[in-house]
Amino acid sequence: MAAEYVTRGERKIEVETLPSRVVPKRHQRENRHIGCPLEWLKRVLPLVNTKEQLAVAIWLHRRRTVCRNELFTVPNKGLREDLGLSRWIKYGALQHLEAAVAIALIRDNKHALQVRLLW
């Protein structure tokens, strides 16, 4: 074991360093993550036509993870603050993703629109 010295005031103190038992993390090539799982992106990419639709889809994936629930709301303010997208872009992307059977929209007149991811 290697010995090192630490100075405290005027005194020199010998300190013994112990070997670490922590195993370094190994990065697995098949577990690549780019803001969303790579496999998820491969499934969604053919379903979208515009970059805005892709941005909304990735944002929906993140929103589901943050909410930790199968059903979640999609507030206009959150999308505007996070990505700078208008509610019209959001509604168009949601309609497109619903038509592509990627999401299910749950509409209740008195409550906010809820989304369920189907992928």
PDB file of N, CA and C in Angstrom:
ATOM      1  N   MET A   1       0.827  -1.178   0.000  1.00  0.00           N
ATOM      2  CA  MET A   1       0.000   0.000   0.000  1.00  0.00           C
ATOM      3  C   MET A   1       0.871   1.240   0.000  1.00  0.00           C
ATOM      4  N   ALA A   2       0.442   2.213  -0.759  1.00  0.00           N
ATOM      5  CA  ALA A   2       1.228   3.436  -0.888  1.00  0.00           C
ATOM      6  C   ALA A   2       0.951   4.359   0.295  1.00  0.00           C
ATOM      7  N   ALA A   3       1.982   5.032   0.718  1.00  0.00           N
ATOM      8  CA  ALA A   3       1.845   5.992   1.815  1.00  0.00           C
ATOM      9  C   ALA A   3       1.970   7.392   1.257  1.00  0.00           C
ATOM     10  N   GLU A   4       1.103   8.264   1.716  1.00  0.00           N
ATOM     11  CA  GLU A   4       1.148   9.665   1.317  1.00  0.00           C
ATOM     12  C   GLU A   4       1.223  10.502   2.580  1.00  0.00           C
ATOM     13  N   TYR A   5       1.580  11.756   2.410  1.00  0.00           N
ATOM     14  CA  TYR A   5       1.705  12.652   3.558  1.00  0.00           C
ATOM     15  C   TYR A   5       0.754  13.830   3.398  1.00  0.00           C
ATOM     16  N   VAL A   6       0.107  14.176   4.494  1.00  0.00           N
ATOM     17  CA  VAL A   6      -0.789  15.311   4.546  1.00  0.00           C
ATOM     18  C   VAL A   6      -0.230  16.276   5.575  1.00  0.00           C
ATOM     19  N   THR A   7      -0.240  17.560   5.251  1.00  0.00           N
ATOM     20  CA  THR A   7       0.276  18.563   6.179  1.00  0.00           C
ATOM     21  C   THR A   7      -0.887  19.238   6.892  1.00  0.00           C
ATOM     22  N   ARG A   8      -0.857  19.216   8.218  1.00  0.00           N
ATOM     23  CA  ARG A   8      -1.843  19.893   9.049  1.00  0.00           C
ATOM     24  C   ARG A   8      -1.087  20.897   9.904  1.00  0.00           C
ATOM     25  N   GLY A   9      -1.257  22.138   9.557  1.00  0.00           N
ATOM     26  CA  GLY A   9      -0.495  23.168  10.275  1.00  0.00           C
ATOM     27  C   GLY A   9       0.985  22.986   9.980  1.00  0.00           C
ATOM     28  N   GLU A  10       1.774  22.702  11.016  1.00  0.00           N
ATOM     29  CA  GLU A  10       3.217  22.479  10.868  1.00  0.00           C
ATOM     30  C   GLU A  10       3.561  20.997  10.842  1.00  0.00           C
ATOM     31  N   ARG A  11       2.578  20.143  11.142  1.00  0.00           N
ATOM     32  CA  ARG A  11       2.846  18.712  11.254  1.00  0.00           C
ATOM     33  C   ARG A  11       2.648  17.994   9.936  1.00  0.00           C
ATOM     34  N   LYS A  12       3.474  17.028   9.665  1.00  0.00           N
ATOM     35  CA  LYS A  12       3.375  16.178   8.492  1.00  0.00           C
ATOM     36  C   LYS A  12       2.855  14.820   8.969  1.00  0.00           C
ATOM     37  N   ILE A  13       1.693  14.425   8.455  1.00  0.00           N
ATOM     38  CA  ILE A  13       1.046  13.200   8.906  1.00  0.00           C
ATOM     39  C   ILE A  13       1.074  12.180   7.768  1.00  0.00           C
ATOM     40  N   GLU A  14       1.486  10.955   8.114  1.00  0.00           N
ATOM     41  CA  GLU A  14       1.501   9.887   7.119  1.00  0.00           C
ATOM     42  C   GLU A  14       0.096   9.292   7.003  1.00  0.00           C
ATOM     43  N   VAL A  15      -0.390   9.191   5.774  1.00  0.00           N
ATOM     44  CA  VAL A  15      -1.725   8.662   5.509  1.00  0.00           C
ATOM     45  C   VAL A  15      -1.585   7.458   4.596  1.00  0.00           C
ATOM     46  N   GLU A  16      -2.244   6.399   4.970  1.00  0.00           N
ATOM     47  CA  GLU A  16      -2.203   5.189   4.173  1.00  0.00           C
ATOM     48  C   GLU A  16      -3.390   5.195   3.215  1.00  0.00           C
ATOM     49  N   THR A  17      -3.149   4.988   1.935  1.00  0.00           N
ATOM     50  CA  THR A  17      -4.239   4.936   0.962  1.00  0.00           C
ATOM     51  C   THR A  17      -4.598   3.488   0.705  1.00  0.00           C
ATOM     52  N   LEU A  18      -5.878   3.221   0.722  1.00  0.00           N
ATOM     53  CA  LEU A  18      -6.379   1.870   0.509  1.00  0.00           C
ATOM     54  C   LEU A  18      -6.839   1.717  -0.929  1.00  0.00           C
ATOM     55  N   PRO A  19      -6.714   0.536  -1.465  1.00  0.00           N
ATOM     56  CA  PRO A  19      -7.211   0.340  -2.836  1.00  0.00           C
ATOM     57  C   PRO A  19      -8.728   0.426  -2.866  1.00  0.00           C
ATOM     58  N   SER A  20      -9.249   0.971  -3.921  1.00  0.00           N
ATOM     59  CA  SER A  20     -10.692   1.140  -4.066  1.00  0.00           C
ATOM     60  C   SER A  20     -11.349  -0.178  -4.447  1.00  0.00           C
ATOM     61  N   ARG A  21     -12.519  -0.416  -3.867  1.00  0.00           N
ATOM     62  CA  ARG A  21     -13.277  -1.610  -4.225  1.00  0.00           C
ATOM     63  C   ARG A  21     -14.397  -1.283  -5.205  1.00  0.00           C
ATOM     64  N   VAL A  22     -14.440  -0.058  -5.662  1.00  0.00           N
ATOM     65  CA  VAL A  22     -15.472   0.369  -6.599  1.00  0.00           C
ATOM     66  C   VAL A  22     -15.094  -0.119  -7.992  1.00  0.00           C
ATOM     67  N   VAL A  23     -16.030  -0.808  -8.620  1.00  0.00           N
ATOM     68  CA  VAL A  23     -15.804  -1.311  -9.971  1.00  0.00           C
ATOM     69  C   VAL A  23     -16.187  -0.213 -10.952  1.00  0.00           C
ATOM     70  N   PRO A  24     -15.313   0.155 -11.872  1.00  0.00           N
ATOM     71  CA  PRO A  24     -15.662   1.203 -12.836  1.00  0.00           C
ATOM     72  C   PRO A  24     -16.825   0.760 -13.718  1.00  0.00           C
ATOM     73  N   LYS A  25     -17.677   1.735 -14.064  1.00  0.00           N
ATOM     74  CA  LYS A  25     -18.821   1.438 -14.921  1.00  0.00           C
ATOM     75  C   LYS A  25     -18.342   1.139 -16.329  1.00  0.00           C
ATOM     76  N   ARG A  26     -18.959   0.128 -16.915  1.00  0.00           N
ATOM     77  CA  ARG A  26     -18.659  -0.202 -18.303  1.00  0.00           C
ATOM     78  C   ARG A  26     -19.785   0.329 -19.167  1.00  0.00           C
ATOM     79  N   HIS A  27     -19.439   1.018 -20.206  1.00  0.00           N
ATOM     80  CA  HIS A  27     -20.448   1.557 -21.119  1.00  0.00           C
ATOM     81  C   HIS A  27     -20.793   0.478 -22.127  1.00  0.00           C
ATOM     82  N   GLN A  28     -22.061   0.138 -22.190  1.00  0.00           N
ATOM     83  CA  GLN A  28     -22.509  -0.872 -23.127  1.00  0.00           C
ATOM     84  C   GLN A  28     -22.967  -0.200 -24.407  1.00  0.00           C
ATOM     85  N   ARG A  29     -22.512  -0.682 -25.514  1.00  0.00           N
ATOM     86  CA  ARG A  29     -22.851  -0.088 -26.799  1.00  0.00           C
ATOM     87  C   ARG A  29     -24.339  -0.217 -27.113  1.00  0.00           C
ATOM     88  N   GLU A  30     -24.983  -1.299 -26.657  1.00  0.00           N
ATOM     89  CA  GLU A  30     -26.390  -1.488 -26.982  1.00  0.00           C
ATOM     90  C   GLU A  30     -27.317  -0.644 -26.129  1.00  0.00           C
ATOM     91  N   ASN A  31     -26.805   0.023 -25.106  1.00  0.00           N
ATOM     92  CA  ASN A  31     -27.626   0.851 -24.228  1.00  0.00           C
ATOM     93  C   ASN A  31     -27.415   2.336 -24.490  1.00  0.00           C
ATOM     94  N   ARG A  32     -27.269   2.718 -25.729  1.00  0.00           N
ATOM     95  CA  ARG A  32     -27.048   4.120 -26.039  1.00  0.00           C
ATOM     96  C   ARG A  32     -28.304   4.922 -25.776  1.00  0.00           C
ATOM     97  N   HIS A  33     -28.137   6.099 -25.200  1.00  0.00           N
ATOM     98  CA  HIS A  33     -29.265   6.959 -24.843  1.00  0.00           C
ATOM     99  C   HIS A  33     -28.966   8.364 -25.338  1.00  0.00           C
ATOM    100  N   ILE A  34     -29.858   8.933 -26.107  1.00  0.00           N
ATOM    101  CA  ILE A  34     -29.627  10.251 -26.703  1.00  0.00           C
ATOM    102  C   ILE A  34     -30.775  11.200 -26.383  1.00  0.00           C
ATOM    103  N   GLY A  35     -31.196  11.210 -25.147  1.00  0.00           N
ATOM    104  CA  GLY A  35     -32.355  12.003 -24.751  1.00  0.00           C
ATOM    105  C   GLY A  35     -33.607  11.154 -24.731  1.00  0.00           C
ATOM    106  N   CYS A  36     -33.540  10.051 -25.412  1.00  0.00           N
ATOM    107  CA  CYS A  36     -34.579   9.020 -25.399  1.00  0.00           C
ATOM    108  C   CYS A  36     -33.860   7.734 -25.797  1.00  0.00           C
ATOM    109  N   PRO A  37     -34.427   6.580 -25.502  1.00  0.00           N
ATOM    110  CA  PRO A  37     -33.766   5.334 -25.910  1.00  0.00           C
ATOM    111  C   PRO A  37     -33.659   5.254 -27.435  1.00  0.00           C
ATOM    112  N   LEU A  38     -32.551   4.749 -27.902  1.00  0.00           N
ATOM    113  CA  LEU A  38     -32.305   4.668 -29.343  1.00  0.00           C
ATOM    114  C   LEU A  38     -33.346   3.792 -30.035  1.00  0.00           C
ATOM    115  N   GLU A  39     -33.743   2.699 -29.413  1.00  0.00           N
ATOM    116  CA  GLU A  39     -34.759   1.827 -30.007  1.00  0.00           C
ATOM    117  C   GLU A  39     -36.103   2.550 -30.147  1.00  0.00           C
ATOM    118  N   TRP A  40     -36.437   3.364 -29.164  1.00  0.00           N
ATOM    119  CA  TRP A  40     -37.675   4.138 -29.226  1.00  0.00           C
ATOM    120  C   TRP A  40     -37.625   5.105 -30.405  1.00  0.00           C
ATOM    121  N   LEU A  41     -36.482   5.775 -30.578  1.00  0.00           N
ATOM    122  CA  LEU A  41     -36.322   6.727 -31.681  1.00  0.00           C
ATOM    123  C   LEU A  41     -36.440   6.021 -33.028  1.00  0.00           C
ATOM    124  N   LYS A  42     -35.900   4.814 -33.138  1.00  0.00           N
ATOM    125  CA  LYS A  42     -36.002   4.057 -34.388  1.00  0.00           C
ATOM    126  C   LYS A  42     -37.454   3.728 -34.726  1.00  0.00           C
ATOM    127  N   ARG A  43     -38.286   3.498 -33.713  1.00  0.00           N
ATOM    128  CA  ARG A  43     -39.699   3.200 -33.954  1.00  0.00           C
ATOM    129  C   ARG A  43     -40.495   4.450 -34.310  1.00  0.00           C
ATOM    130  N   VAL A  44     -40.128   5.592 -33.727  1.00  0.00           N
ATOM    131  CA  VAL A  44     -40.896   6.824 -33.922  1.00  0.00           C
ATOM    132  C   VAL A  44     -40.506   7.550 -35.208  1.00  0.00           C
ATOM    133  N   LEU A  45     -39.261   7.488 -35.593  1.00  0.00           N
ATOM    134  CA  LEU A  45     -38.769   8.258 -36.735  1.00  0.00           C
ATOM    135  C   LEU A  45     -39.574   8.049 -38.018  1.00  0.00           C
ATOM    136  N   PRO A  46     -39.968   6.831 -38.374  1.00  0.00           N
ATOM    137  CA  PRO A  46     -40.770   6.678 -39.598  1.00  0.00           C
ATOM    138  C   PRO A  46     -42.189   7.252 -39.485  1.00  0.00           C
ATOM    139  N   LEU A  47     -42.651   7.519 -38.276  1.00  0.00           N
ATOM    140  CA  LEU A  47     -44.027   7.991 -38.074  1.00  0.00           C
ATOM    141  C   LEU A  47     -44.180   9.498 -38.215  1.00  0.00           C
ATOM    142  N   VAL A  48     -43.075  10.242 -38.130  1.00  0.00           N
ATOM    143  CA  VAL A  48     -43.170  11.705 -38.145  1.00  0.00           C
ATOM    144  C   VAL A  48     -42.749  12.247 -39.502  1.00  0.00           C
ATOM    145  N   ASN A  49     -43.317  13.416 -39.839  1.00  0.00           N
ATOM    146  CA  ASN A  49     -43.017  14.046 -41.126  1.00  0.00           C
ATOM    147  C   ASN A  49     -42.160  15.291 -40.991  1.00  0.00           C
ATOM    148  N   THR A  50     -42.225  15.964 -39.847  1.00  0.00           N
ATOM    149  CA  THR A  50     -41.504  17.226 -39.678  1.00  0.00           C
ATOM    150  C   THR A  50     -40.658  17.175 -38.414  1.00  0.00           C
ATOM    151  N   LYS A  51     -39.732  18.104 -38.331  1.00  0.00           N
ATOM    152  CA  LYS A  51     -38.887  18.175 -37.136  1.00  0.00           C
ATOM    153  C   LYS A  51     -39.695  18.587 -35.907  1.00  0.00           C
ATOM    154  N   GLU A  52     -40.745  19.376 -36.116  1.00  0.00           N
ATOM    155  CA  GLU A  52     -41.596  19.767 -34.993  1.00  0.00           C
ATOM    156  C   GLU A  52     -42.331  18.564 -34.423  1.00  0.00           C
ATOM    157  N   GLN A  53     -42.817  17.683 -35.300  1.00  0.00           N
ATOM    158  CA  GLN A  53     -43.491  16.473 -34.840  1.00  0.00           C
ATOM    159  C   GLN A  53     -42.525  15.582 -34.067  1.00  0.00           C
ATOM    160  N   LEU A  54     -41.293  15.471 -34.544  1.00  0.00           N
ATOM    161  CA  LEU A  54     -40.284  14.687 -33.829  1.00  0.00           C
ATOM    162  C   LEU A  54     -39.974  15.312 -32.472  1.00  0.00           C
ATOM    163  N   ALA A  55     -39.873  16.635 -32.431  1.00  0.00           N
ATOM    164  CA  ALA A  55     -39.595  17.323 -31.173  1.00  0.00           C
ATOM    165  C   ALA A  55     -40.728  17.094 -30.176  1.00  0.00           C
ATOM    166  N   VAL A  56     -41.968  17.157 -30.640  1.00  0.00           N
ATOM    167  CA  VAL A  56     -43.112  16.918 -29.750  1.00  0.00           C
ATOM    168  C   VAL A  56     -43.100  15.464 -29.275  1.00  0.00           C
ATOM    169  N   ALA A  57     -42.784  14.513 -30.157  1.00  0.00           N
ATOM    170  CA  ALA A  57     -42.744  13.100 -29.774  1.00  0.00           C
ATOM    171  C   ALA A  57     -41.688  12.856 -28.695  1.00  0.00           C
ATOM    172  N   ILE A  58     -40.507  13.426 -28.854  1.00  0.00           N
ATOM    173  CA  ILE A  58     -39.451  13.271 -27.850  1.00  0.00           C
ATOM    174  C   ILE A  58     -39.866  13.955 -26.555  1.00  0.00           C
ATOM    175  N   TRP A  59     -40.491  15.117 -26.667  1.00  0.00           N
ATOM    176  CA  TRP A  59     -40.965  15.823 -25.476  1.00  0.00           C
ATOM    177  C   TRP A  59     -42.029  15.010 -24.754  1.00  0.00           C
ATOM    178  N   LEU A  60     -42.915  14.329 -25.501  1.00  0.00           N
ATOM    179  CA  LEU A  60     -43.928  13.467 -24.893  1.00  0.00           C
ATOM    180  C   LEU A  60     -43.271  12.311 -24.138  1.00  0.00           C
ATOM    181  N   HIS A  61     -42.243  11.740 -24.724  1.00  0.00           N
ATOM    182  CA  HIS A  61     -41.519  10.654 -24.049  1.00  0.00           C
ATOM    183  C   HIS A  61     -40.932  11.144 -22.732  1.00  0.00           C
ATOM    184  N   ARG A  62     -40.329  12.315 -22.771  1.00  0.00           N
ATOM    185  CA  ARG A  62     -39.758  12.889 -21.553  1.00  0.00           C
ATOM    186  C   ARG A  62     -40.847  13.212 -20.532  1.00  0.00           C
ATOM    187  N   ARG A  63     -41.953  13.758 -20.997  1.00  0.00           N
ATOM    188  CA  ARG A  63     -43.056  14.135 -20.107  1.00  0.00           C
ATOM    189  C   ARG A  63     -43.620  12.907 -19.387  1.00  0.00           C
ATOM    190  N   ARG A  64     -43.737  11.794 -20.117  1.00  0.00           N
ATOM    191  CA  ARG A  64     -44.223  10.559 -19.498  1.00  0.00           C
ATOM    192  C   ARG A  64     -43.255  10.091 -18.417  1.00  0.00           C
ATOM    193  N   THR A  65     -41.969  10.179 -18.680  1.00  0.00           N
ATOM    194  CA  THR A  65     -40.965   9.776 -17.701  1.00  0.00           C
ATOM    195  C   THR A  65     -41.010  10.672 -16.472  1.00  0.00           C
ATOM    196  N   VAL A  66     -41.152  11.967 -16.677  1.00  0.00           N
ATOM    197  CA  VAL A  66     -41.203  12.914 -15.560  1.00  0.00           C
ATOM    198  C   VAL A  66     -42.470  12.706 -14.731  1.00  0.00           C
ATOM    199  N   CYS A  67     -43.609  12.495 -15.396  1.00  0.00           N
ATOM    200  CA  CYS A  67     -44.882  12.322 -14.686  1.00  0.00           C
ATOM    201  C   CYS A  67     -44.994  10.955 -14.022  1.00  0.00           C
ATOM    202  N   ARG A  68     -44.253   9.975 -14.503  1.00  0.00           N
ATOM    203  CA  ARG A  68     -44.271   8.612 -13.962  1.00  0.00           C
ATOM    204  C   ARG A  68     -45.682   8.027 -13.941  1.00  0.00           C
ATOM    205  N   ASN A  69     -46.381   8.214 -15.044  1.00  0.00           N
ATOM    206  CA  ASN A  69     -47.735   7.713 -15.142  1.00  0.00           C
ATOM    207  C   ASN A  69     -48.030   7.401 -16.609  1.00  0.00           C
ATOM    208  N   GLU A  70     -48.880   6.410 -16.845  1.00  0.00           N
ATOM    209  CA  GLU A  70     -49.258   6.069 -18.214  1.00  0.00           C
ATOM    210  C   GLU A  70     -50.036   7.209 -18.876  1.00  0.00           C
ATOM    211  N   LEU A  71     -50.908   7.845 -18.115  1.00  0.00           N
ATOM    212  CA  LEU A  71     -51.669   8.991 -18.611  1.00  0.00           C
ATOM    213  C   LEU A  71     -51.039  10.271 -18.082  1.00  0.00           C
ATOM    214  N   PHE A  72     -50.851  11.224 -18.942  1.00  0.00           N
ATOM    215  CA  PHE A  72     -50.261  12.496 -18.526  1.00  0.00           C
ATOM    216  C   PHE A  72     -50.823  13.616 -19.374  1.00  0.00           C
ATOM    217  N   THR A  73     -50.763  14.816 -18.834  1.00  0.00           N
ATOM    218  CA  THR A  73     -51.243  15.996 -19.561  1.00  0.00           C
ATOM    219  C   THR A  73     -50.097  16.612 -20.349  1.00  0.00           C
ATOM    220  N   VAL A  74     -50.456  17.447 -21.308  1.00  0.00           N
ATOM    221  CA  VAL A  74     -49.471  18.120 -22.159  1.00  0.00           C
ATOM    222  C   VAL A  74     -49.771  19.611 -22.130  1.00  0.00           C
ATOM    223  N   PRO A  75     -49.248  20.325 -21.135  1.00  0.00           N
ATOM    224  CA  PRO A  75     -49.568  21.753 -21.034  1.00  0.00           C
ATOM    225  C   PRO A  75     -48.900  22.574 -22.135  1.00  0.00           C
ATOM    226  N   ASN A  76     -49.656  23.530 -22.675  1.00  0.00           N
ATOM    227  CA  ASN A  76     -49.108  24.409 -23.714  1.00  0.00           C
ATOM    228  C   ASN A  76     -47.910  25.192 -23.200  1.00  0.00           C
ATOM    229  N   LYS A  77     -48.023  25.673 -21.968  1.00  0.00           N
ATOM    230  CA  LYS A  77     -46.964  26.503 -21.397  1.00  0.00           C
ATOM    231  C   LYS A  77     -45.647  25.736 -21.300  1.00  0.00           C
ATOM    232  N   GLY A  78     -45.710  24.480 -20.876  1.00  0.00           N
ATOM    233  CA  GLY A  78     -44.492  23.672 -20.752  1.00  0.00           C
ATOM    234  C   GLY A  78     -43.802  23.467 -22.084  1.00  0.00           C
ATOM    235  N   LEU A  79     -44.569  23.167 -23.114  1.00  0.00           N
ATOM    236  CA  LEU A  79     -43.994  22.968 -24.449  1.00  0.00           C
ATOM    237  C   LEU A  79     -43.432  24.262 -25.006  1.00  0.00           C
ATOM    238  N   ARG A  80     -44.111  25.366 -24.749  1.00  0.00           N
ATOM    239  CA  ARG A  80     -43.626  26.672 -25.222  1.00  0.00           C
ATOM    240  C   ARG A  80     -42.328  27.051 -24.516  1.00  0.00           C
ATOM    241  N   GLU A  81     -42.272  26.822 -23.190  1.00  0.00           N
ATOM    242  CA  GLU A  81     -41.071  27.181 -22.435  1.00  0.00           C
ATOM    243  C   GLU A  81     -39.894  26.257 -22.763  1.00  0.00           C
ATOM    244  N   ASP A  82     -40.167  24.969 -22.913  1.00  0.00           N
ATOM    245  CA  ASP A  82     -39.089  24.015 -23.164  1.00  0.00           C
ATOM    246  C   ASP A  82     -38.552  24.082 -24.591  1.00  0.00           C
ATOM    247  N   LEU A  83     -39.456  24.141 -25.573  1.00  0.00           N
ATOM    248  CA  LEU A  83     -39.031  24.047 -26.971  1.00  0.00           C
ATOM    249  C   LEU A  83     -39.387  25.256 -27.824  1.00  0.00           C
ATOM    250  N   GLY A  84     -40.175  26.168 -27.285  1.00  0.00           N
ATOM    251  CA  GLY A  84     -40.571  27.334 -28.065  1.00  0.00           C
ATOM    252  C   GLY A  84     -41.597  27.004 -29.138  1.00  0.00           C
ATOM    253  N   LEU A  85     -42.373  25.933 -28.948  1.00  0.00           N
ATOM    254  CA  LEU A  85     -43.374  25.536 -29.930  1.00  0.00           C
ATOM    255  C   LEU A  85     -44.750  26.021 -29.497  1.00  0.00           C
ATOM    256  N   SER A  86     -45.540  26.448 -30.469  1.00  0.00           N
ATOM    257  CA  SER A  86     -46.877  26.969 -30.174  1.00  0.00           C
ATOM    258  C   SER A  86     -47.852  25.818 -29.925  1.00  0.00           C
ATOM    259  N   ARG A  87     -49.003  26.173 -29.404  1.00  0.00           N
ATOM    260  CA  ARG A  87     -50.022  25.158 -29.153  1.00  0.00           C
ATOM    261  C   ARG A  87     -50.560  24.590 -30.451  1.00  0.00           C
ATOM    262  N   TRP A  88     -50.516  25.367 -31.527  1.00  0.00           N
ATOM    263  CA  TRP A  88     -51.000  24.879 -32.815  1.00  0.00           C
ATOM    264  C   TRP A  88     -50.082  23.795 -33.351  1.00  0.00           C
ATOM    265  N   ILE A  89     -48.783  23.968 -33.167  1.00  0.00           N
ATOM    266  CA  ILE A  89     -47.824  22.927 -33.549  1.00  0.00           C
ATOM    267  C   ILE A  89     -48.098  21.670 -32.720  1.00  0.00           C
ATOM    268  N   LYS A  90     -48.332  21.878 -31.417  1.00  0.00           N
ATOM    269  CA  LYS A  90     -48.596  20.748 -30.517  1.00  0.00           C
ATOM    270  C   LYS A  90     -49.837  19.982 -30.966  1.00  0.00           C
ATOM    271  N   TYR A  91     -50.938  20.696 -31.216  1.00  0.00           N
ATOM    272  CA  TYR A  91     -52.173  20.023 -31.604  1.00  0.00           C
ATOM    273  C   TYR A  91     -52.017  19.284 -32.937  1.00  0.00           C
ATOM    274  N   GLY A  92     -51.325  19.902 -33.880  1.00  0.00           N
ATOM    275  CA  GLY A  92     -51.087  19.236 -35.166  1.00  0.00           C
ATOM    276  C   GLY A  92     -50.258  17.973 -35.001  1.00  0.00           C
ATOM    277  N   ALA A  93     -49.210  18.043 -34.176  1.00  0.00           N
ATOM    278  CA  ALA A  93     -48.362  16.879 -33.944  1.00  0.00           C
ATOM    279  C   ALA A  93     -49.123  15.788 -33.201  1.00  0.00           C
ATOM    280  N   LEU A  94     -49.944  16.176 -32.222  1.00  0.00           N
ATOM    281  CA  LEU A  94     -50.737  15.184 -31.488  1.00  0.00           C
ATOM    282  C   LEU A  94     -51.729  14.485 -32.413  1.00  0.00           C
ATOM    283  N   GLN A  95     -52.382  15.234 -33.304  1.00  0.00           N
ATOM    284  CA  GLN A  95     -53.317  14.625 -34.257  1.00  0.00           C
ATOM    285  C   GLN A  95     -52.587  13.665 -35.186  1.00  0.00           C
ATOM    286  N   HIS A  96     -51.415  14.077 -35.656  1.00  0.00           N
ATOM    287  CA  HIS A  96     -50.640  13.218 -36.553  1.00  0.00           C
ATOM    288  C   HIS A  96     -50.196  11.937 -35.841  1.00  0.00           C
ATOM    289  N   LEU A  97     -49.706  12.057 -34.614  1.00  0.00           N
ATOM    290  CA  LEU A  97     -49.256  10.882 -33.870  1.00  0.00           C
ATOM    291  C   LEU A  97     -50.430   9.976 -33.497  1.00  0.00           C
ATOM    292  N   GLU A  98     -51.596  10.576 -33.260  1.00  0.00           N
ATOM    293  CA  GLU A  98     -52.782   9.757 -32.982  1.00  0.00           C
ATOM    294  C   GLU A  98     -53.210   8.991 -34.231  1.00  0.00           C
ATOM    295  N   ALA A  99     -53.166   9.640 -35.388  1.00  0.00           N
ATOM    296  CA  ALA A  99     -53.520   8.981 -36.647  1.00  0.00           C
ATOM    297  C   ALA A  99     -52.528   7.864 -36.981  1.00  0.00           C
ATOM    298  N   ALA A 100     -51.275   8.009 -36.567  1.00  0.00           N
ATOM    299  CA  ALA A 100     -50.250   6.995 -36.809  1.00  0.00           C
ATOM    300  C   ALA A 100     -50.279   5.896 -35.748  1.00  0.00           C
ATOM    301  N   VAL A 101     -51.238   5.963 -34.826  1.00  0.00           N
ATOM    302  CA  VAL A 101     -51.425   5.008 -33.735  1.00  0.00           C
ATOM    303  C   VAL A 101     -50.165   4.923 -32.866  1.00  0.00           C
ATOM    304  N   ALA A 102     -49.558   6.063 -32.618  1.00  0.00           N
ATOM    305  CA  ALA A 102     -48.403   6.127 -31.719  1.00  0.00           C
ATOM    306  C   ALA A 102     -48.830   6.570 -30.325  1.00  0.00           C
ATOM    307  N   ILE A 103     -49.938   7.312 -30.266  1.00  0.00           N
ATOM    308  CA  ILE A 103     -50.458   7.786 -28.982  1.00  0.00           C
ATOM    309  C   ILE A 103     -51.978   7.644 -28.983  1.00  0.00           C
ATOM    310  N   ALA A 104     -52.535   7.668 -27.792  1.00  0.00           N
ATOM    311  CA  ALA A 104     -53.989   7.738 -27.638  1.00  0.00           C
ATOM    312  C   ALA A 104     -54.293   9.021 -26.889  1.00  0.00           C
ATOM    313  N   LEU A 105     -55.244   9.796 -27.398  1.00  0.00           N
ATOM    314  CA  LEU A 105     -55.657  11.032 -26.749  1.00  0.00           C
ATOM    315  C   LEU A 105     -56.959  10.784 -26.002  1.00  0.00           C
ATOM    316  N   ILE A 106     -56.982  11.135 -24.737  1.00  0.00           N
ATOM    317  CA  ILE A 106     -58.171  10.981 -23.904  1.00  0.00           C
ATOM    318  C   ILE A 106     -58.741  12.371 -23.688  1.00  0.00           C
ATOM    319  N   ARG A 107     -59.931  12.582 -24.215  1.00  0.00           N
ATOM    320  CA  ARG A 107     -60.569  13.893 -24.128  1.00  0.00           C
ATOM    321  C   ARG A 107     -61.702  13.834 -23.110  1.00  0.00           C
ATOM    322  N   ASP A 108     -61.690  14.765 -22.186  1.00  0.00           N
ATOM    323  CA  ASP A 108     -62.766  14.923 -21.214  1.00  0.00           C
ATOM    324  C   ASP A 108     -63.070  16.411 -21.180  1.00  0.00           C
ATOM    325  N   ASN A 109     -64.300  16.765 -21.444  1.00  0.00           N
ATOM    326  CA  ASN A 109     -64.671  18.171 -21.601  1.00  0.00           C
ATOM    327  C   ASN A 109     -64.226  19.058 -20.447  1.00  0.00           C
ATOM    328  N   LYS A 110     -64.294  18.555 -19.232  1.00  0.00           N
ATOM    329  CA  LYS A 110     -64.000  19.397 -18.082  1.00  0.00           C
ATOM    330  C   LYS A 110     -62.539  19.326 -17.636  1.00  0.00           C
ATOM    331  N   HIS A 111     -61.791  18.457 -18.213  1.00  0.00           N
ATOM    332  CA  HIS A 111     -60.402  18.273 -17.785  1.00  0.00           C
ATOM    333  C   HIS A 111     -59.454  18.462 -18.960  1.00  0.00           C
ATOM    334  N   ALA A 112     -58.175  18.594 -18.638  1.00  0.00           N
ATOM    335  CA  ALA A 112     -57.165  18.786 -19.670  1.00  0.00           C
ATOM    336  C   ALA A 112     -57.019  17.521 -20.515  1.00  0.00           C
ATOM    337  N   LEU A 113     -56.600  17.711 -21.749  1.00  0.00           N
ATOM    338  CA  LEU A 113     -56.332  16.611 -22.662  1.00  0.00           C
ATOM    339  C   LEU A 113     -55.252  15.721 -22.064  1.00  0.00           C
ATOM    340  N   GLN A 114     -55.483  14.402 -22.070  1.00  0.00           N
ATOM    341  CA  GLN A 114     -54.486  13.475 -21.549  1.00  0.00           C
ATOM    342  C   GLN A 114     -53.966  12.611 -22.691  1.00  0.00           C
ATOM    343  N   VAL A 115     -52.718  12.178 -22.546  1.00  0.00           N
ATOM    344  CA  VAL A 115     -52.046  11.403 -23.585  1.00  0.00           C
ATOM    345  C   VAL A 115     -51.574  10.084 -22.990  1.00  0.00           C
ATOM    346  N   ARG A 116     -51.662   9.025 -23.791  1.00  0.00           N
ATOM    347  CA  ARG A 116     -51.082   7.730 -23.438  1.00  0.00           C
ATOM    348  C   ARG A 116     -50.197   7.311 -24.603  1.00  0.00           C
ATOM    349  N   LEU A 117     -48.950   7.012 -24.335  1.00  0.00           N
ATOM    350  CA  LEU A 117     -48.043   6.541 -25.381  1.00  0.00           C
ATOM    351  C   LEU A 117     -48.356   5.081 -25.679  1.00  0.00           C
ATOM    352  N   LEU A 118     -48.404   4.736 -26.938  1.00  0.00           N
ATOM    353  CA  LEU A 118     -48.705   3.364 -27.337  1.00  0.00           C
ATOM    354  C   LEU A 118     -47.496   2.612 -27.871  1.00  0.00           C
ATOM    355  N   TRP A 119     -46.343   3.254 -27.923  1.00  0.00           N
ATOM    356  CA  TRP A 119     -45.159   2.566 -28.425  1.00  0.00           C
ATOM    357  C   TRP A 119     -44.336   2.004 -27.320  1.00  0.00           C
TER     358      TRP A 119
END
